[in-house]
Amino acid sequence: MGRDVVVTGLGLVTPLGESVERTWTGLLEGASGAGRITHFDPEEAGLRASTACEVETKPAAIAPDDRVDDRTMGRYAQFAVAATAEALDDTGFDAASPDWNAERVGTSIGSGLAGLAEIEAAAGARPSPSFLVSALTNLAAGHVSMTIGAKGPNRAPGTACSAGTHAIAAAADDIRRGRADIVVAGGTDAAISPLGVGSFDAMRALSTADDPATASRPFDSDRDGLVLSEGCGIVVLEARDHARKRGATPYAAITGAGRTADAHHPTRPAEAGDGLRRCLEQALLDANRKPATVDHVNAHATSTPVGDAREADALATVFGEVESGVPPTTSIKGHLGHALGAAGAIEAVVVARTIAEGTIPPTANYETPDPDCDLPVVTEPRETAVDVAVSTSAGFGGTNGVLVFERP
């Protein structure tokens, strides 16, 4: 219990575009952010997979006012600073605003692999004085706090592919419990490097499809692995009374969150999606909502054979007693690939926009239904009122996160 939490600002850096508008338009148009890897030569690195979803524009060209310093900021942190600039501009805030009390403004930004590329680049060389601050997981939140002058709660979950979702859930708790009035929250990752891609390739977790645009196929019968991505999603969370006082119009409210562990296996999800099932049930209980009230699911679904099927099992169980079954379900990873710790945060931005626009984005490359994923997968933009939506995340180590969003 406590204060209501609303989303008043959105920011994105993704392979579909370096803004919320460009990414949202790309999703609705069915665009793909996938292509042949250009950050390095995958053939020279001896990789089976050669496809990834890369951000084309340098972060320094996205963020205003020279806020990005690529000498001291890792690429993952640069993404966070750039996406935060858009999100704060979206709220109408600036540091001179009477509504901006720095000690009541927090930062909560997670990452899965953080400065892996920076660590890899520095291997075997004498470390520079800026090496640590370009690679540490908490420096995305750190650089954002320094850039915007936020002196409130500051954290950086490192919970793999649930990191962005966990960061937003914790930020909402900060506001609910009165520790902050505003929190800049989200997730960021930039692991398209020989070591980053090579590690997933060695596990045979990546798609080896010939066509990059159709390689990521969430829930589809022909899916053969994920496509690694990069980017950042940022939401500005605010206490509802604080937002109302300054006349802000929220995109959505965050009313519940779940966090659970599979306690099962380092990489394979629990049988029947047990951990994610419990996480979704926990989130709905936190929001005081029944499964029948949910209008839309933004699924984690990364396009791996086992992972998607276990998530489908979890959804089927939670919504099994609902007369209409599982709500319309989307995974945007068909468009954007899997951005690891940034994925849940990017999806949170998309869900907030889904509620505000009354349009559910489609799932790209879903062509052949899989009996193991018996879900109402949305394949074309669908205009419909969405009053309650859930967004799911899962990561290595059996870590799960779910957020419940509602119309404000």
Protein backbone atom coordinates (compact mmCIF):
# COMPACT_ATOMS: atom_id res chain seq x y z
CA MET A 1 0.00 0.00 0.00
CA GLY A 2 1.04 3.64 -0.26
CA ARG A 3 1.07 6.32 -2.92
CA ASP A 4 -0.10 5.58 -6.45
CA VAL A 5 2.62 5.38 -9.11
CA VAL A 6 2.19 6.75 -12.63
CA VAL A 7 4.37 6.86 -15.74
CA THR A 8 4.83 10.43 -16.96
CA GLY A 9 7.83 10.17 -19.30
CA LEU A 10 9.17 7.69 -21.86
CA GLY A 11 12.55 7.32 -23.55
CA LEU A 12 13.98 4.73 -25.93
CA VAL A 13 17.13 3.91 -27.81
CA THR A 14 16.51 0.80 -29.93
CA PRO A 15 17.56 -0.76 -33.25
CA LEU A 16 14.28 0.55 -34.72
CA GLY A 17 15.14 4.14 -33.86
CA GLU A 18 16.64 6.41 -31.24
CA SER A 19 13.32 7.64 -29.87
CA VAL A 20 9.96 6.41 -28.62
CA GLU A 21 8.15 7.68 -31.71
CA ARG A 22 10.46 6.03 -34.22
CA THR A 23 10.42 2.73 -32.35
CA TRP A 24 6.65 2.74 -31.89
CA THR A 25 6.07 3.55 -35.58
CA GLY A 26 8.48 0.79 -36.59
CA LEU A 27 6.63 -1.74 -34.44
CA LEU A 28 3.26 -0.87 -35.95
CA GLU A 29 4.70 -0.96 -39.47
CA GLY A 30 6.25 -4.38 -38.92
CA ALA A 31 9.82 -3.17 -39.33
CA SER A 32 12.82 -5.22 -38.27
CA GLY A 33 15.89 -3.95 -36.46
CA ALA A 34 17.92 -7.03 -37.37
CA GLY A 35 20.83 -7.23 -39.78
CA ARG A 36 24.26 -8.73 -40.26
CA ILE A 37 26.59 -7.87 -37.39
CA THR A 38 28.72 -4.80 -38.15
CA HIS A 39 30.29 -4.13 -34.72
CA PHE A 40 32.82 -6.87 -35.52
CA ASP A 41 33.35 -9.66 -38.06
CA PRO A 42 31.42 -12.75 -36.85
CA GLU A 43 33.11 -14.99 -39.42
CA GLU A 44 36.54 -13.95 -38.21
CA ALA A 45 35.35 -14.65 -34.65
CA GLY A 46 34.35 -18.16 -35.71
CA LEU A 47 30.65 -17.77 -34.87
CA ARG A 48 27.75 -19.81 -36.21
CA ALA A 49 25.36 -16.86 -35.87
CA SER A 50 25.93 -13.62 -37.74
CA THR A 51 22.72 -11.68 -37.03
CA ALA A 52 22.05 -9.04 -34.38
CA CYS A 53 19.90 -5.97 -33.78
CA GLU A 54 22.31 -3.05 -33.58
CA VAL A 55 21.72 0.62 -32.76
CA GLU A 56 23.12 2.50 -35.74
CA THR A 57 23.46 6.03 -34.35
CA LYS A 58 26.16 6.84 -31.81
CA PRO A 59 24.65 7.79 -28.43
CA ALA A 60 26.57 11.08 -28.42
CA ALA A 61 24.56 12.12 -31.47
CA ILE A 62 21.27 11.33 -29.70
CA ALA A 63 21.71 12.98 -26.30
CA PRO A 64 21.62 16.80 -26.22
CA ASP A 65 24.11 19.23 -24.72
CA ASP A 66 27.18 17.01 -24.92
CA ARG A 67 25.84 14.83 -22.09
CA VAL A 68 27.59 11.72 -23.43
CA ASP A 69 31.33 11.36 -22.91
CA ASP A 70 32.53 8.20 -24.63
CA ARG A 71 35.89 8.47 -22.84
CA THR A 72 34.37 7.79 -19.42
CA MET A 73 31.00 6.20 -20.22
CA GLY A 74 30.51 2.67 -21.47
CA ARG A 75 28.19 2.25 -24.43
CA TYR A 76 25.48 0.82 -22.16
CA ALA A 77 25.66 3.93 -19.94
CA GLN A 78 25.61 6.23 -22.97
CA PHE A 79 22.35 4.62 -24.06
CA ALA A 80 20.88 5.29 -20.62
CA VAL A 81 21.87 8.96 -20.60
CA ALA A 82 20.43 9.43 -24.11
CA ALA A 83 17.12 7.68 -23.34
CA THR A 84 16.80 9.60 -20.06
CA ALA A 85 17.14 12.89 -21.91
CA GLU A 86 14.14 12.00 -24.07
CA ALA A 87 12.10 10.72 -21.12
CA LEU A 88 12.68 13.82 -18.99
CA ASP A 89 11.94 16.11 -21.92
CA ASP A 90 8.70 14.15 -22.33
CA THR A 91 7.72 14.96 -18.73
CA GLY A 92 8.40 18.67 -19.08
CA PHE A 93 10.85 18.58 -16.18
CA ASP A 94 14.13 20.41 -15.91
CA ALA A 95 16.49 20.92 -13.01
CA ALA A 96 15.26 24.49 -12.53
CA SER A 97 11.62 23.43 -12.14
CA PRO A 98 10.04 24.16 -8.74
CA ASP A 99 8.67 20.58 -8.89
CA TRP A 100 12.21 19.19 -9.06
CA ASN A 101 13.58 18.46 -5.60
CA ALA A 102 16.86 16.68 -6.29
CA GLU A 103 16.84 14.83 -3.00
CA ARG A 104 13.42 13.36 -3.86
CA VAL A 105 14.47 12.19 -7.34
CA GLY A 106 15.84 8.66 -7.68
CA THR A 107 17.52 6.53 -10.35
CA SER A 108 17.00 2.79 -10.82
CA ILE A 109 18.57 1.35 -13.99
CA GLY A 110 19.41 -2.32 -14.44
CA SER A 111 21.71 -4.13 -16.85
CA GLY A 112 22.48 -7.71 -17.72
CA LEU A 113 26.03 -7.56 -19.08
CA ALA A 114 26.70 -3.82 -18.61
CA GLY A 115 30.30 -3.05 -19.59
CA LEU A 116 31.18 -6.45 -21.02
CA ALA A 117 32.31 -4.89 -24.31
CA GLU A 118 34.50 -2.41 -22.41
CA ILE A 119 36.00 -5.23 -20.31
CA GLU A 120 36.69 -7.24 -23.44
CA ALA A 121 38.33 -4.27 -25.18
CA ALA A 122 40.59 -3.65 -22.19
CA ALA A 123 41.69 -7.28 -21.79
CA GLY A 124 45.45 -7.68 -22.04
CA ALA A 125 46.09 -3.94 -22.00
CA ARG A 126 47.11 -1.58 -19.22
CA PRO A 127 43.81 -0.28 -17.73
CA SER A 128 43.07 3.37 -18.30
CA PRO A 129 42.04 5.58 -15.35
CA SER A 130 38.47 5.57 -16.69
CA PHE A 131 38.20 1.81 -17.24
CA LEU A 132 36.24 0.93 -14.09
CA VAL A 133 33.74 3.76 -14.46
CA SER A 134 33.13 2.72 -18.07
CA ALA A 135 32.39 -0.89 -17.15
CA LEU A 136 30.72 -1.15 -13.73
CA THR A 137 27.04 -2.16 -13.79
CA ASN A 138 25.92 0.72 -11.57
CA LEU A 139 27.44 3.43 -13.73
CA ALA A 140 24.40 3.67 -16.01
CA ALA A 141 22.33 4.76 -13.00
CA GLY A 142 25.35 6.67 -11.70
CA HIS A 143 25.92 8.70 -14.86
CA VAL A 144 22.20 9.41 -15.18
CA SER A 145 22.04 10.65 -11.59
CA MET A 146 25.04 12.90 -12.17
CA THR A 147 23.71 14.19 -15.48
CA ILE A 148 20.28 15.16 -14.13
CA GLY A 149 21.30 15.93 -10.55
CA ALA A 150 19.19 13.19 -8.93
CA LYS A 151 20.20 12.72 -5.28
CA GLY A 152 17.54 10.25 -4.13
CA PRO A 153 17.60 6.43 -4.11
CA ASN A 154 20.08 4.97 -6.59
CA ARG A 155 20.37 1.32 -7.66
CA ALA A 156 21.37 -0.97 -10.52
CA PRO A 157 19.91 -4.49 -10.52
CA GLY A 158 22.10 -6.99 -12.36
CA THR A 159 19.47 -9.70 -12.65
CA ALA A 160 20.19 -10.77 -16.23
CA CYS A 161 17.24 -10.37 -18.59
CA SER A 162 14.90 -9.37 -15.76
CA ALA A 163 17.09 -6.43 -14.73
CA GLY A 164 15.08 -3.65 -16.38
CA THR A 165 11.79 -4.99 -15.03
CA HIS A 166 13.26 -5.38 -11.54
CA ALA A 167 14.65 -1.84 -11.66
CA ILE A 168 11.20 -0.44 -12.50
CA ALA A 169 9.51 -2.56 -9.82
CA ALA A 170 11.97 -1.30 -7.19
CA ALA A 171 11.52 2.29 -8.38
CA ALA A 172 7.75 1.96 -7.99
CA ASP A 173 8.35 0.71 -4.43
CA ASP A 174 10.45 3.82 -3.72
CA ILE A 175 7.51 6.01 -4.65
CA ARG A 176 4.86 3.86 -2.98
CA ARG A 177 6.77 3.93 0.30
CA GLY A 178 7.55 7.64 0.18
CA ARG A 179 11.31 7.41 -0.40
CA ALA A 180 11.05 9.49 -3.59
CA ASP A 181 8.56 11.56 -5.59
CA ILE A 182 10.16 10.83 -8.98
CA VAL A 183 12.36 7.95 -10.15
CA VAL A 184 14.07 7.59 -13.51
CA ALA A 185 13.96 3.83 -14.07
CA GLY A 186 14.72 1.28 -16.75
CA GLY A 187 17.33 -1.01 -18.24
CA THR A 188 20.23 -0.82 -20.67
CA ASP A 189 22.64 -3.22 -22.37
CA ALA A 190 25.22 -3.18 -25.17
CA ALA A 191 26.75 -6.63 -25.47
CA ILE A 192 27.11 -7.07 -29.23
CA SER A 193 30.81 -7.92 -29.09
CA PRO A 194 32.82 -11.04 -29.92
CA LEU A 195 32.62 -12.20 -26.31
CA GLY A 196 28.95 -11.24 -25.84
CA VAL A 197 27.65 -12.82 -29.03
CA GLY A 198 30.19 -15.62 -28.84
CA SER A 199 29.01 -16.69 -25.39
CA PHE A 200 25.41 -17.09 -26.52
CA ASP A 201 26.61 -18.71 -29.75
CA ALA A 202 28.62 -21.30 -27.77
CA MET A 203 25.43 -22.18 -25.85
CA ARG A 204 23.61 -22.58 -29.19
CA ALA A 205 21.05 -20.08 -27.99
CA LEU A 206 21.18 -17.87 -31.10
CA SER A 207 19.21 -18.17 -34.31
CA THR A 208 21.21 -19.26 -37.33
CA ALA A 209 18.48 -18.41 -39.86
CA ASP A 210 19.71 -16.99 -43.17
CA ASP A 211 17.39 -13.98 -43.27
CA PRO A 212 18.10 -11.53 -40.42
CA ALA A 213 14.66 -9.90 -40.64
CA THR A 214 12.87 -13.20 -39.95
CA ALA A 215 15.38 -14.80 -37.57
CA SER A 216 13.60 -13.84 -34.35
CA ARG A 217 10.26 -15.70 -34.32
CA PRO A 218 8.60 -15.58 -30.89
CA PHE A 219 6.13 -18.43 -30.29
CA ASP A 220 6.43 -19.58 -33.91
CA SER A 221 6.86 -23.28 -34.62
CA ASP A 222 10.00 -22.60 -36.68
CA ARG A 223 11.84 -20.54 -34.06
CA ASP A 224 15.43 -21.66 -33.56
CA GLY A 225 16.93 -19.19 -31.11
CA LEU A 226 17.15 -15.58 -30.06
CA VAL A 227 18.70 -12.62 -31.89
CA LEU A 228 20.92 -10.54 -29.62
CA SER A 229 20.08 -6.85 -29.41
CA GLU A 230 21.14 -3.68 -27.61
CA GLY A 231 19.53 -0.45 -26.44
CA CYS A 232 17.78 1.16 -23.50
CA GLY A 233 14.31 1.82 -22.18
CA ILE A 234 13.59 4.52 -19.58
CA VAL A 235 10.35 5.40 -17.80
CA VAL A 236 9.91 8.37 -15.50
CA LEU A 237 7.80 7.23 -12.56
CA GLU A 238 6.06 9.77 -10.40
CA ALA A 239 3.74 9.81 -7.42
CA ARG A 240 0.23 10.42 -8.74
CA ASP A 241 -0.37 13.34 -6.37
CA HIS A 242 2.92 14.93 -7.45
CA ALA A 243 2.04 14.55 -11.13
CA ARG A 244 -1.46 15.91 -10.57
CA LYS A 245 -0.11 18.94 -8.72
CA ARG A 246 2.01 19.99 -11.69
CA GLY A 247 -0.68 19.17 -14.27
CA ALA A 248 1.05 16.20 -15.89
CA THR A 249 -0.90 13.67 -17.97
CA PRO A 250 0.29 10.10 -17.24
CA TYR A 251 0.61 7.39 -19.88
CA ALA A 252 -0.24 4.63 -17.42
CA ALA A 253 -0.13 3.59 -13.79
CA ILE A 254 2.02 0.80 -12.35
CA THR A 255 -0.17 -0.99 -9.84
CA GLY A 256 1.65 -4.25 -9.17
CA ALA A 257 4.90 -6.15 -9.49
CA GLY A 258 6.13 -9.70 -8.97
CA ARG A 259 9.64 -11.07 -8.44
CA THR A 260 10.37 -14.78 -8.06
CA ALA A 261 13.07 -17.40 -8.60
CA ASP A 262 12.77 -20.74 -10.37
CA ALA A 263 15.37 -22.38 -8.10
CA HIS A 264 15.76 -24.87 -10.93
CA HIS A 265 18.62 -24.45 -13.45
CA PRO A 266 21.11 -21.76 -14.53
CA THR A 267 19.63 -21.38 -18.02
CA ARG A 268 16.54 -23.56 -18.47
CA PRO A 269 13.22 -22.27 -17.12
CA ALA A 270 11.35 -24.42 -14.63
CA GLU A 271 8.96 -27.08 -15.87
CA ALA A 272 5.55 -25.69 -16.83
CA GLY A 273 6.96 -22.20 -16.37
CA ASP A 274 6.43 -22.54 -12.62
CA GLY A 275 8.58 -19.56 -11.60
CA LEU A 276 7.05 -17.18 -14.11
CA ARG A 277 3.56 -18.44 -13.21
CA ARG A 278 4.10 -17.63 -9.55
CA CYS A 279 5.59 -14.27 -10.48
CA LEU A 280 2.54 -13.33 -12.56
CA GLU A 281 0.18 -14.44 -9.80
CA GLN A 282 2.18 -12.40 -7.30
CA ALA A 283 2.05 -9.29 -9.49
CA LEU A 284 -1.72 -9.56 -9.97
CA LEU A 285 -2.19 -10.04 -6.23
CA ASP A 286 -0.04 -6.96 -5.61
CA ALA A 287 -2.26 -5.00 -8.02
CA ASN A 288 -5.42 -6.47 -6.47
CA ARG A 289 -6.48 -7.71 -9.90
CA LYS A 290 -7.95 -11.02 -11.05
CA PRO A 291 -6.64 -12.68 -14.23
CA ALA A 292 -9.99 -11.98 -15.93
CA THR A 293 -9.31 -8.22 -15.73
CA VAL A 294 -6.17 -8.39 -17.87
CA ASP A 295 -6.64 -7.15 -21.45
CA HIS A 296 -3.15 -7.70 -22.86
CA VAL A 297 0.10 -9.60 -22.24
CA ASN A 298 3.43 -8.24 -23.45
CA ALA A 299 5.41 -11.47 -23.30
CA HIS A 300 9.10 -12.05 -22.64
CA ALA A 301 9.23 -14.68 -25.42
CA THR A 302 12.77 -14.52 -26.83
CA SER A 303 12.26 -16.98 -29.72
CA THR A 304 13.99 -19.92 -28.04
CA PRO A 305 12.26 -23.32 -28.38
CA VAL A 306 12.09 -24.14 -24.67
CA GLY A 307 11.75 -20.65 -23.21
CA ASP A 308 8.73 -19.64 -25.28
CA ALA A 309 6.97 -22.93 -24.59
CA ARG A 310 7.49 -22.66 -20.82
CA GLU A 311 6.16 -19.09 -20.85
CA ALA A 312 3.12 -20.26 -22.80
CA ASP A 313 2.59 -22.93 -20.12
CA ALA A 314 2.70 -20.27 -17.38
CA LEU A 315 0.20 -18.04 -19.17
CA ALA A 316 -2.13 -20.95 -19.88
CA THR A 317 -2.14 -21.87 -16.18
CA VAL A 318 -2.72 -18.35 -14.84
CA PHE A 319 -5.51 -17.61 -17.31
CA GLY A 320 -6.81 -21.16 -17.46
CA GLU A 321 -10.03 -20.43 -15.59
CA VAL A 322 -10.79 -17.23 -17.48
CA GLU A 323 -13.67 -17.82 -19.89
CA SER A 324 -11.97 -15.94 -22.73
CA GLY A 325 -8.60 -17.60 -22.06
CA VAL A 326 -5.20 -15.92 -22.34
CA PRO A 327 -5.53 -12.25 -23.36
CA PRO A 328 -4.13 -11.00 -26.70
CA THR A 329 -0.39 -11.60 -26.48
CA THR A 330 2.56 -9.87 -28.14
CA SER A 331 6.32 -10.28 -28.07
CA ILE A 332 8.13 -7.34 -29.66
CA LYS A 333 11.38 -9.32 -29.85
CA GLY A 334 10.41 -10.37 -33.36
CA HIS A 335 11.09 -6.72 -34.29
CA LEU A 336 13.81 -5.78 -31.83
CA GLY A 337 15.61 -8.96 -30.84
CA HIS A 338 16.57 -9.62 -27.23
CA ALA A 339 18.25 -6.67 -25.51
CA LEU A 340 18.98 -8.64 -22.32
CA GLY A 341 18.71 -6.39 -19.24
CA ALA A 342 17.17 -3.63 -21.36
CA ALA A 343 14.40 -5.84 -22.76
CA GLY A 344 11.90 -5.55 -19.90
CA ALA A 345 12.37 -1.79 -19.72
CA ILE A 346 11.92 -1.33 -23.48
CA GLU A 347 8.78 -3.44 -23.20
CA ALA A 348 7.56 -1.33 -20.26
CA VAL A 349 7.78 1.77 -22.46
CA VAL A 350 5.87 -0.03 -25.21
CA VAL A 351 3.14 -1.19 -22.78
CA ALA A 352 2.71 2.35 -21.45
CA ARG A 353 2.34 3.57 -25.03
CA THR A 354 -0.04 0.68 -25.81
CA ILE A 355 -2.37 1.80 -23.02
CA ALA A 356 -2.14 5.47 -23.97
CA GLU A 357 -2.72 4.85 -27.70
CA GLY A 358 -5.25 2.04 -27.41
CA THR A 359 -3.25 -0.04 -29.89
CA ILE A 360 -1.60 -3.42 -29.29
CA PRO A 361 1.55 -3.82 -31.41
CA PRO A 362 2.02 -7.02 -33.44
CA THR A 363 4.40 -9.94 -33.08
CA ALA A 364 6.70 -10.10 -36.09
CA ASN A 365 7.39 -13.36 -37.91
CA TYR A 366 4.64 -15.39 -36.27
CA GLU A 367 3.48 -17.53 -39.21
CA THR A 368 3.23 -21.16 -38.09
CA PRO A 369 1.43 -21.80 -34.79
CA ASP A 370 3.17 -24.12 -32.37
CA PRO A 371 0.94 -26.54 -30.41
CA ASP A 372 3.28 -26.00 -27.45
CA CYS A 373 2.52 -22.26 -27.55
CA ASP A 374 -1.26 -22.24 -27.83
CA LEU A 375 -1.74 -18.49 -27.39
CA PRO A 376 -3.76 -15.71 -29.08
CA VAL A 377 -0.66 -14.12 -30.63
CA VAL A 378 -1.33 -10.67 -32.09
CA THR A 379 0.08 -10.44 -35.63
CA GLU A 380 -1.34 -7.10 -36.81
CA PRO A 381 -1.73 -3.80 -34.94
CA ARG A 382 -4.96 -4.07 -32.97
CA GLU A 383 -6.90 -1.00 -31.92
CA THR A 384 -8.65 -1.75 -28.64
CA ALA A 385 -8.99 -0.30 -25.17
CA VAL A 386 -6.38 -1.73 -22.82
CA ASP A 387 -7.26 -1.03 -19.20
CA VAL A 388 -4.94 -3.61 -17.61
CA ALA A 389 -1.79 -5.10 -19.14
CA VAL A 390 1.04 -7.25 -17.84
CA SER A 391 4.65 -7.40 -19.00
CA THR A 392 6.75 -10.47 -18.24
CA SER A 393 10.51 -10.99 -17.96
CA ALA A 394 12.75 -13.96 -17.19
CA GLY A 395 16.50 -14.39 -17.02
CA PHE A 396 19.42 -16.75 -16.48
CA GLY A 397 19.63 -17.97 -12.94
CA GLY A 398 15.88 -18.50 -12.93
CA THR A 399 15.02 -14.89 -12.12
CA ASN A 400 11.55 -13.59 -13.06
CA GLY A 401 9.82 -10.22 -13.06
CA VAL A 402 6.31 -9.07 -13.93
CA LEU A 403 4.79 -5.58 -14.00
CA VAL A 404 1.08 -4.70 -14.00
CA PHE A 405 0.12 -1.53 -15.88
CA GLU A 406 -3.27 0.13 -15.86
CA ARG A 407 -5.01 3.00 -17.56
CA PRO A 408 -4.44 6.02 -15.32
